[in-house]
Amino acid sequence: NTAGLKASNIRAVGITNQRETTVLWNRRTGQPVHHAIVWQDRRAESTCAQLRSAGHEALIQSKTGLLIDAYFSGTKLKWLLDNVTGARAQAERGELAFGTVDSWLMWQLTGGAVHATDVSNASRTMLFNVRTNQWDEELLALLGIPTSLMPQVHPSSAHFGEVRPDLLGQAIPIGGVAGDQQSALFGQACFKAGMAKNTYGTGCFMLMHTGQHFQSSKNGLLTTSAAQATSQTEFAIEGSVFVGGAVVQWLRDGLNAIKGSAEVQSLAESVPDSGGVMMVPAFTGLGAPYWQPDARGTITGLTRGTTVAHIARAALESIAYQSAALLQAMSRDAVANGAAPVAELRVDGGACVNNLLMQFQADLLGIPVVRPAVTETTALGAAYLAGLSSGVYGSVTELDGLWQAERTFVPTLATARGTELMARWEHAVRQATAL
């Protein structure tokens, strides 16, 4: 109504969603059997430890591109089946359905007519073979998960089904589905191998497009399915930071250092640097490229002269340090595969509007950091995928021509200084993992 549109004006619906978050529901009632388990939840870590100790890491990585971690949906689903009363028996009888948030939304929007997902979401479950584009029977058996629970997998740009007429006034096709980070990669027009983006949200998620060939990382990153606009499989290398913008929320809610997230830039800019303070916000362990689930947050370098402004600046800078570690790992992988290092980083997400953070990011990386005119690229990617399947857009080439830069942050720091700062960061990480 606000946009002045009618249902007849809508060609297709696009869905993008928080990945890995796990929902298990009753097929007859459409009601979940338990609360959704979100991506940051670590309750399945004991199962992951058992899988590692049993020597399954290489098998899982070769099939899924992922490392064994409670981050992914597979062990969350196993926890639900093992701990929710009656869930396993119902699942064995075919009465339950599993899905990430996209699957849950499609089930509700279509009145239970569609139980589906796309390749990008499926690739984050630790149950999907990204080489064959199918649920992997061996991995399902390893975790004791019935095949009947699993949604049908489609390309990201496809006809998934139709929204119920009573919801929007008429039946409207669901034409695009992608996990939030792959959707952002698509919305950033990173369609060619070597192009990379970083999304600054609660966490930070950096993806580099690697083309049509599966490439395993030797530097602690993940191989994942990119959003698939055609029947051709596309891949990306990904690194996930568990605590990005969430560190600013902690400054607000945990320390009461600021009243609102928007205040952090002015507080951090009130001092010329962090005064030697280094923060490692390992509140839920460390993700890529370290994969240290037992790491704990640290603040080091405190002196009598340290103020809350120094801590705020260190918190903000920790987002850039973690992201720089990801890009360095990506560039090493690229070179190992005969490609050039990442030459430019496209950025999006809520925190990318923070100019201090973006400039510090460019300084650490030593490459341009480019902010697009449209920073809500996750939603834009879903719209593009739906638009392709419904004929609003003719090709990916057309989409590439629509992308525009709003501002480019050029490095101003000497390379040697950037190297020195990253060495200090890595030292702080070692301290956080030694606790």
Protein backbone atom coordinates (compact mmCIF):
# COMPACT_ATOMS: atom_id res chain seq x y z
CA ASN A 1 0.00 0.00 0.00
CA THR A 2 2.83 2.42 0.83
CA ALA A 3 4.33 1.91 -2.60
CA GLY A 4 0.95 2.28 -4.27
CA LEU A 5 1.20 -1.15 -5.89
CA LYS A 6 -1.41 -3.80 -6.50
CA ALA A 7 -0.85 -7.55 -6.50
CA SER A 8 -1.21 -7.44 -10.27
CA ASN A 9 1.90 -5.23 -10.45
CA ILE A 10 4.08 -7.91 -8.82
CA ARG A 11 5.71 -10.27 -11.32
CA ALA A 12 7.43 -12.51 -8.78
CA VAL A 13 8.48 -12.81 -5.14
CA GLY A 14 12.11 -13.22 -4.11
CA ILE A 15 13.15 -14.69 -0.77
CA THR A 16 16.46 -14.27 1.00
CA ASN A 17 17.08 -15.52 4.49
CA GLN A 18 19.38 -16.12 7.41
CA ARG A 19 21.19 -19.33 6.53
CA GLU A 20 21.87 -22.40 8.72
CA THR A 21 19.03 -21.51 11.13
CA THR A 22 17.13 -24.77 11.51
CA VAL A 23 13.36 -25.35 11.66
CA LEU A 24 11.60 -28.70 12.13
CA TRP A 25 7.82 -28.73 11.70
CA ASN A 26 4.78 -30.97 11.47
CA ARG A 27 3.64 -31.49 7.89
CA ARG A 28 -0.05 -31.78 8.84
CA THR A 29 -0.35 -28.78 11.17
CA GLY A 30 2.45 -26.63 9.75
CA GLN A 31 3.59 -25.91 13.31
CA PRO A 32 7.21 -26.19 14.48
CA VAL A 33 7.98 -28.91 17.02
CA HIS A 34 10.54 -26.66 18.75
CA HIS A 35 11.98 -23.17 18.55
CA ALA A 36 14.21 -22.55 15.55
CA ILE A 37 17.90 -23.05 16.34
CA VAL A 38 19.75 -20.01 15.01
CA TRP A 39 23.09 -20.06 13.22
CA GLN A 40 25.05 -18.75 16.21
CA ASP A 41 23.75 -21.48 18.56
CA ARG A 42 26.56 -23.79 19.74
CA ARG A 43 24.53 -26.52 21.48
CA ALA A 44 25.57 -29.15 18.93
CA GLU A 45 29.30 -28.69 19.52
CA SER A 46 29.59 -32.04 21.34
CA THR A 47 28.27 -33.82 18.23
CA CYS A 48 30.81 -31.96 16.12
CA ALA A 49 33.60 -33.01 18.47
CA GLN A 50 32.52 -36.64 18.10
CA LEU A 51 32.54 -36.35 14.31
CA ARG A 52 36.04 -34.87 14.38
CA SER A 53 37.40 -37.50 16.75
CA ALA A 54 35.90 -40.23 14.56
CA GLY A 55 37.90 -38.88 11.61
CA HIS A 56 35.03 -37.64 9.44
CA GLU A 57 36.46 -34.16 8.69
CA ALA A 58 37.97 -35.03 5.30
CA LEU A 59 34.84 -36.88 4.13
CA ILE A 60 32.54 -34.00 5.07
CA GLN A 61 34.77 -31.33 3.57
CA SER A 62 35.22 -33.21 0.30
CA LYS A 63 31.46 -33.58 -0.17
CA THR A 64 30.12 -30.32 1.28
CA GLY A 65 33.04 -27.89 1.15
CA LEU A 66 32.45 -27.21 4.86
CA LEU A 67 34.40 -27.87 8.02
CA ILE A 68 32.71 -29.68 10.88
CA ASP A 69 31.14 -26.99 13.04
CA ALA A 70 27.97 -26.42 15.08
CA TYR A 71 27.39 -23.38 12.85
CA PHE A 72 25.81 -25.57 10.16
CA SER A 73 22.31 -27.06 10.10
CA GLY A 74 23.07 -30.77 10.11
CA THR A 75 24.09 -31.13 13.75
CA LYS A 76 21.34 -28.73 14.84
CA LEU A 77 18.80 -31.00 13.14
CA LYS A 78 20.30 -34.05 14.83
CA TRP A 79 19.98 -32.27 18.19
CA LEU A 80 16.27 -31.64 17.54
CA LEU A 81 15.64 -35.26 16.61
CA ASP A 82 17.53 -36.49 19.67
CA ASN A 83 16.14 -34.05 22.24
CA VAL A 84 12.57 -33.12 21.30
CA THR A 85 10.19 -35.73 22.71
CA GLY A 86 8.74 -37.88 19.95
CA ALA A 87 10.52 -36.02 17.13
CA ARG A 88 12.61 -38.92 15.86
CA ALA A 89 9.65 -41.32 15.80
CA GLN A 90 7.53 -38.74 13.94
CA ALA A 91 10.37 -38.14 11.49
CA GLU A 92 10.73 -41.86 10.81
CA ARG A 93 7.00 -41.98 10.02
CA GLY A 94 7.39 -39.11 7.52
CA GLU A 95 5.31 -36.69 9.59
CA LEU A 96 7.92 -33.93 9.91
CA ALA A 97 9.69 -31.57 7.52
CA PHE A 98 13.06 -29.86 7.91
CA GLY A 99 14.13 -26.61 6.39
CA THR A 100 16.20 -23.51 6.73
CA VAL A 101 14.21 -20.29 7.01
CA ASP A 102 13.56 -20.07 3.26
CA SER A 103 11.92 -23.51 3.27
CA TRP A 104 9.80 -22.59 6.29
CA LEU A 105 8.66 -19.36 4.61
CA MET A 106 7.79 -21.11 1.35
CA TRP A 107 5.79 -23.76 3.21
CA GLN A 108 3.78 -21.04 4.94
CA LEU A 109 3.39 -18.82 1.86
CA THR A 110 2.16 -21.70 -0.28
CA GLY A 111 -0.09 -23.27 2.33
CA GLY A 112 2.10 -26.36 2.60
CA ALA A 113 2.14 -26.98 -1.14
CA VAL A 114 5.90 -26.45 -1.49
CA HIS A 115 8.71 -28.03 0.53
CA ALA A 116 11.78 -26.70 -1.23
CA THR A 117 15.04 -24.82 -0.91
CA ASP A 118 17.75 -23.58 -3.25
CA VAL A 119 21.33 -24.76 -3.70
CA SER A 120 22.84 -21.88 -1.72
CA ASN A 121 20.85 -22.68 1.41
CA ALA A 122 21.24 -26.44 0.98
CA SER A 123 25.01 -26.02 0.78
CA ARG A 124 25.06 -24.64 4.35
CA THR A 125 23.52 -27.69 6.01
CA MET A 126 26.57 -30.02 6.03
CA LEU A 127 24.20 -32.58 4.46
CA PHE A 128 24.32 -31.48 0.80
CA ASN A 129 26.87 -32.72 -1.71
CA VAL A 130 27.83 -29.59 -3.65
CA ARG A 131 29.58 -31.67 -6.32
CA THR A 132 26.43 -33.62 -7.24
CA ASN A 133 23.84 -31.00 -6.15
CA GLN A 134 21.98 -33.62 -4.11
CA TRP A 135 21.35 -34.50 -0.49
CA ASP A 136 24.09 -36.95 0.44
CA GLU A 137 22.82 -40.31 1.69
CA GLU A 138 26.09 -41.11 3.45
CA LEU A 139 26.06 -37.86 5.43
CA LEU A 140 22.38 -38.20 6.29
CA ALA A 141 23.07 -41.71 7.61
CA LEU A 142 26.10 -40.48 9.54
CA LEU A 143 23.89 -38.09 11.52
CA GLY A 144 20.86 -40.38 11.63
CA ILE A 145 18.63 -38.06 9.60
CA PRO A 146 15.75 -39.56 7.56
CA THR A 147 15.79 -38.56 3.89
CA SER A 148 12.04 -37.87 4.07
CA LEU A 149 12.74 -34.73 6.13
CA MET A 150 14.64 -32.99 3.36
CA PRO A 151 13.27 -30.32 0.98
CA GLN A 152 13.54 -30.48 -2.80
CA VAL A 153 16.52 -28.47 -4.09
CA HIS A 154 16.23 -26.01 -7.01
CA PRO A 155 18.50 -23.43 -8.67
CA SER A 156 18.26 -20.03 -6.97
CA SER A 157 16.40 -18.49 -9.91
CA ALA A 158 13.48 -20.81 -10.67
CA HIS A 159 9.74 -21.26 -10.31
CA PHE A 160 9.40 -22.59 -6.75
CA GLY A 161 5.63 -22.33 -6.47
CA GLU A 162 3.00 -19.66 -5.87
CA VAL A 163 2.07 -17.52 -2.88
CA ARG A 164 -1.47 -18.30 -1.70
CA PRO A 165 -4.02 -15.93 -3.32
CA ASP A 166 -5.50 -14.95 0.06
CA LEU A 167 -2.20 -13.46 1.23
CA LEU A 168 -1.55 -10.86 -1.49
CA GLY A 169 -4.82 -10.80 -3.40
CA GLN A 170 -3.80 -13.21 -6.13
CA ALA A 171 -1.40 -16.09 -6.69
CA ILE A 172 2.12 -14.74 -7.29
CA PRO A 173 5.09 -16.88 -8.37
CA ILE A 174 8.03 -17.35 -6.01
CA GLY A 175 10.82 -16.85 -8.53
CA GLY A 176 14.03 -16.49 -6.56
CA VAL A 177 15.48 -17.90 -3.35
CA ALA A 178 19.00 -17.55 -1.95
CA GLY A 179 20.76 -17.54 1.39
CA ASP A 180 21.55 -14.02 2.54
CA GLN A 181 25.28 -14.04 1.79
CA GLN A 182 25.03 -15.65 -1.63
CA SER A 183 22.18 -13.25 -2.37
CA ALA A 184 24.43 -10.32 -1.42
CA LEU A 185 27.20 -11.66 -3.68
CA PHE A 186 24.66 -11.74 -6.51
CA GLY A 187 23.29 -8.30 -5.64
CA GLN A 188 26.85 -6.93 -5.71
CA ALA A 189 27.17 -8.20 -9.29
CA CYS A 190 30.12 -10.39 -8.34
CA PHE A 191 29.48 -12.73 -11.25
CA LYS A 192 33.08 -13.47 -12.26
CA ALA A 193 35.76 -15.56 -10.60
CA GLY A 194 37.95 -13.46 -8.32
CA MET A 195 35.30 -10.86 -7.45
CA ALA A 196 34.62 -10.57 -3.71
CA LYS A 197 32.23 -8.89 -1.31
CA ASN A 198 32.04 -8.53 2.47
CA THR A 199 28.76 -8.05 4.33
CA TYR A 200 29.04 -6.22 7.65
CA GLY A 201 26.12 -7.29 9.81
CA THR A 202 25.86 -8.98 13.18
CA GLY A 203 28.66 -11.14 11.82
CA CYS A 204 30.83 -10.51 8.77
CA PHE A 205 30.61 -12.72 5.72
CA MET A 206 33.12 -12.52 2.90
CA LEU A 207 32.55 -14.43 -0.33
CA MET A 208 34.75 -14.67 -3.41
CA HIS A 209 33.26 -16.05 -6.61
CA THR A 210 35.36 -18.95 -7.95
CA GLY A 211 33.45 -19.84 -11.10
CA GLN A 212 32.13 -23.24 -12.06
CA HIS A 213 34.75 -25.46 -10.44
CA PHE A 214 34.84 -26.77 -6.87
CA GLN A 215 37.92 -25.42 -5.09
CA SER A 216 38.89 -26.52 -1.60
CA SER A 217 40.49 -23.94 0.67
CA LYS A 218 43.83 -24.68 2.26
CA ASN A 219 43.52 -21.62 4.49
CA GLY A 220 40.57 -22.25 6.79
CA LEU A 221 37.81 -21.07 4.46
CA LEU A 222 34.71 -22.85 3.19
CA THR A 223 33.59 -23.85 -0.28
CA THR A 224 29.94 -23.04 -0.84
CA SER A 225 27.43 -22.96 -3.67
CA ALA A 226 26.95 -19.47 -5.07
CA ALA A 227 23.48 -18.32 -6.09
CA GLN A 228 22.60 -20.30 -9.20
CA ALA A 229 20.87 -18.23 -11.89
CA THR A 230 20.80 -21.10 -14.42
CA SER A 231 21.23 -24.86 -14.36
CA GLN A 232 25.00 -24.30 -14.27
CA THR A 233 26.57 -24.78 -10.84
CA GLU A 234 28.52 -21.80 -9.48
CA PHE A 235 30.87 -21.85 -6.48
CA ALA A 236 32.34 -19.42 -3.98
CA ILE A 237 34.93 -19.45 -1.23
CA GLU A 238 33.54 -18.07 2.03
CA GLY A 239 34.79 -16.91 5.37
CA SER A 240 32.43 -16.21 8.25
CA VAL A 241 33.15 -13.97 11.24
CA PHE A 242 30.80 -14.78 14.11
CA VAL A 243 30.97 -11.39 15.85
CA GLY A 244 31.09 -8.31 13.63
CA GLY A 245 28.54 -5.58 14.30
CA ALA A 246 27.50 -7.56 17.38
CA VAL A 247 30.56 -6.12 19.13
CA VAL A 248 28.95 -2.66 18.87
CA GLN A 249 25.77 -4.08 20.39
CA TRP A 250 27.93 -5.38 23.25
CA LEU A 251 29.39 -1.91 23.79
CA ARG A 252 25.82 -0.64 24.08
CA ASP A 253 24.16 -3.43 26.07
CA GLY A 254 27.07 -4.99 27.95
CA LEU A 255 29.23 -2.00 28.84
CA ASN A 256 26.68 0.82 28.51
CA ALA A 257 29.45 2.69 26.70
CA ILE A 258 27.04 4.10 24.13
CA LYS A 259 23.29 4.66 24.03
CA GLY A 260 22.87 3.73 20.38
CA SER A 261 24.94 1.98 17.74
CA ALA A 262 25.19 5.16 15.67
CA GLU A 263 27.27 6.78 18.44
CA VAL A 264 30.21 4.41 18.05
CA GLN A 265 31.83 6.25 15.13
CA SER A 266 31.93 9.65 16.86
CA LEU A 267 33.21 8.06 20.08
CA ALA A 268 35.91 6.14 18.21
CA GLU A 269 36.89 9.24 16.22
CA SER A 270 37.41 11.22 19.43
CA VAL A 271 40.82 9.52 19.74
CA PRO A 272 43.45 9.29 16.96
CA ASP A 273 43.86 5.51 17.36
CA SER A 274 43.13 2.70 19.81
CA GLY A 275 46.04 3.66 22.05
CA GLY A 276 47.51 0.18 21.74
CA VAL A 277 44.28 -1.53 22.82
CA MET A 278 43.40 -4.65 20.85
CA MET A 279 40.05 -6.42 21.17
CA VAL A 280 39.34 -9.96 19.99
CA PRO A 281 35.52 -10.34 20.25
CA ALA A 282 35.48 -14.14 20.45
CA PHE A 283 32.18 -14.15 22.36
CA THR A 284 31.10 -17.38 20.63
CA GLY A 285 34.53 -18.66 19.66
CA LEU A 286 36.32 -17.68 16.46
CA GLY A 287 35.09 -18.56 12.98
CA ALA A 288 37.12 -18.47 9.78
CA PRO A 289 39.98 -18.65 9.19
CA TYR A 290 40.80 -19.78 12.75
CA TRP A 291 37.93 -22.15 13.66
CA GLN A 292 38.57 -22.03 17.40
CA PRO A 293 35.23 -22.75 19.13
CA ASP A 294 36.79 -22.50 22.59
CA ALA A 295 38.42 -19.09 22.08
CA ARG A 296 37.16 -16.34 24.39
CA GLY A 297 36.99 -12.59 24.01
CA THR A 298 39.95 -10.52 25.16
CA ILE A 299 40.91 -6.87 25.50
CA THR A 300 44.67 -6.37 25.68
CA GLY A 301 47.00 -3.40 25.78
CA LEU A 302 45.16 -1.56 28.56
CA THR A 303 47.02 1.20 30.41
CA ARG A 304 46.10 3.81 32.97
CA GLY A 305 45.50 6.18 30.07
CA THR A 306 42.98 3.92 28.32
CA THR A 307 39.52 5.45 27.97
CA VAL A 308 36.18 4.12 26.81
CA ALA A 309 36.88 5.82 23.47
CA HIS A 310 39.98 3.66 22.97
CA ILE A 311 37.95 0.54 23.74
CA ALA A 312 35.22 1.66 21.32
CA ARG A 313 37.81 2.21 18.60
CA ALA A 314 39.41 -1.17 19.28
CA ALA A 315 35.96 -2.78 19.07
CA LEU A 316 35.27 -1.13 15.72
CA GLU A 317 38.72 -2.02 14.41
CA SER A 318 38.24 -5.66 15.44
CA ILE A 319 35.63 -5.95 12.70
CA ALA A 320 38.18 -4.83 10.12
CA TYR A 321 40.96 -7.04 11.51
CA GLN A 322 38.80 -10.15 11.32
CA SER A 323 37.71 -9.28 7.79
CA ALA A 324 41.31 -8.63 6.74
CA ALA A 325 42.29 -12.09 7.99
CA LEU A 326 39.57 -13.53 5.75
CA LEU A 327 40.70 -11.64 2.66
CA GLN A 328 44.34 -12.59 3.20
CA ALA A 329 43.28 -16.25 3.38
CA MET A 330 41.20 -15.84 0.21
CA SER A 331 44.07 -14.27 -1.67
CA ARG A 332 46.38 -17.13 -0.64
CA ASP A 333 43.80 -19.62 -1.93
CA ALA A 334 43.43 -17.68 -5.18
CA VAL A 335 47.18 -17.63 -5.81
CA ALA A 336 47.44 -21.35 -4.97
CA ASN A 337 44.83 -22.01 -7.67
CA GLY A 338 46.70 -19.96 -10.27
CA ALA A 339 44.56 -16.83 -9.97
CA ALA A 340 45.42 -13.29 -8.93
CA PRO A 341 44.88 -12.04 -5.36
CA VAL A 342 41.65 -10.18 -4.67
CA ALA A 343 42.09 -6.69 -6.17
CA GLU A 344 38.98 -4.94 -4.84
CA LEU A 345 36.46 -5.57 -2.08
CA ARG A 346 32.80 -4.61 -2.51
CA VAL A 347 31.05 -3.98 0.81
CA ASP A 348 27.49 -3.92 2.08
CA GLY A 349 25.45 -4.41 5.24
CA GLY A 350 24.55 -2.03 8.04
CA ALA A 351 28.07 -1.26 9.25
CA CYS A 352 29.42 -0.36 5.81
CA VAL A 353 27.96 3.13 6.26
CA ASN A 354 30.60 3.71 8.95
CA ASN A 355 33.27 5.67 7.08
CA LEU A 356 35.89 5.23 9.81
CA LEU A 357 35.52 1.46 9.65
CA MET A 358 35.61 1.36 5.84
CA GLN A 359 38.73 3.53 5.64
CA PHE A 360 40.51 1.41 8.25
CA GLN A 361 39.45 -1.69 6.31
CA ALA A 362 41.02 -0.34 3.12
CA ASP A 363 44.18 0.60 5.03
CA LEU A 364 44.56 -2.90 6.46
CA LEU A 365 43.85 -4.63 3.15
CA GLY A 366 45.91 -2.36 0.94
CA ILE A 367 43.23 -2.51 -1.79
CA PRO A 368 40.22 -0.33 -2.63
CA VAL A 369 37.05 -0.91 -0.64
CA VAL A 370 33.99 -0.01 -2.70
CA ARG A 371 30.58 0.84 -1.24
CA PRO A 372 27.69 0.55 -3.72
CA ALA A 373 24.91 3.04 -4.26
CA VAL A 374 22.47 0.40 -3.00
CA THR A 375 23.85 -1.12 0.21
CA GLU A 376 20.88 -3.46 0.78
CA THR A 377 22.41 -5.88 -1.69
CA THR A 378 21.03 -8.97 0.05
CA ALA A 379 17.46 -7.93 -0.78
CA LEU A 380 18.59 -6.70 -4.18
CA GLY A 381 20.07 -10.10 -5.01
CA ALA A 382 16.79 -11.86 -4.22
CA ALA A 383 14.94 -9.36 -6.41
CA TYR A 384 17.40 -9.93 -9.26
CA LEU A 385 16.99 -13.72 -9.02
CA ALA A 386 13.19 -13.46 -9.04
CA GLY A 387 13.37 -10.94 -11.87
CA LEU A 388 15.48 -13.25 -14.02
CA SER A 389 13.10 -16.19 -13.67
CA SER A 390 10.06 -14.02 -14.44
CA GLY A 391 11.53 -12.17 -17.41
CA VAL A 392 11.90 -8.75 -15.76
CA TYR A 393 15.63 -8.98 -16.51
CA GLY A 394 17.02 -10.63 -19.60
CA SER A 395 20.43 -11.76 -18.40
CA VAL A 396 23.15 -11.52 -15.79
CA THR A 397 24.97 -9.16 -18.17
CA GLU A 398 22.06 -6.74 -17.89
CA LEU A 399 22.29 -6.89 -14.09
CA ASP A 400 26.02 -6.21 -14.20
CA GLY A 401 25.30 -2.92 -15.95
CA LEU A 402 22.96 -1.81 -13.16
CA TRP A 403 25.58 -1.92 -10.38
CA GLN A 404 26.93 1.49 -9.29
CA ALA A 405 29.55 2.58 -6.76
CA GLU A 406 28.70 5.27 -4.20
CA ARG A 407 32.19 5.70 -2.69
CA THR A 408 35.60 4.10 -2.99
CA PHE A 409 37.91 4.03 0.05
CA VAL A 410 41.53 4.06 -1.12
CA PRO A 411 44.32 2.81 1.19
CA THR A 412 46.26 5.60 2.91
CA LEU A 413 48.46 3.48 5.18
CA ALA A 414 51.97 2.35 4.27
CA THR A 415 52.09 -1.37 3.48
CA ALA A 416 54.65 -1.97 6.23
CA ARG A 417 52.37 -0.37 8.82
CA GLY A 418 49.44 -2.52 7.72
CA THR A 419 51.60 -5.63 8.02
CA GLU A 420 52.68 -4.56 11.51
CA LEU A 421 49.09 -4.04 12.64
CA MET A 422 48.01 -7.44 11.32
CA ALA A 423 50.93 -9.07 13.16
CA ARG A 424 49.68 -7.46 16.38
CA TRP A 425 46.20 -8.77 15.65
CA GLU A 426 47.44 -12.33 15.10
CA HIS A 427 49.32 -12.12 18.41
CA ALA A 428 46.10 -11.06 20.13
CA VAL A 429 44.26 -13.99 18.51
CA ARG A 430 46.85 -16.41 19.87
CA GLN A 431 46.24 -14.97 23.33
CA ALA A 432 42.46 -15.43 22.95
CA THR A 433 42.85 -19.05 21.90
CA ALA A 434 45.24 -19.84 24.77
CA LEU A 435 42.68 -19.10 27.51
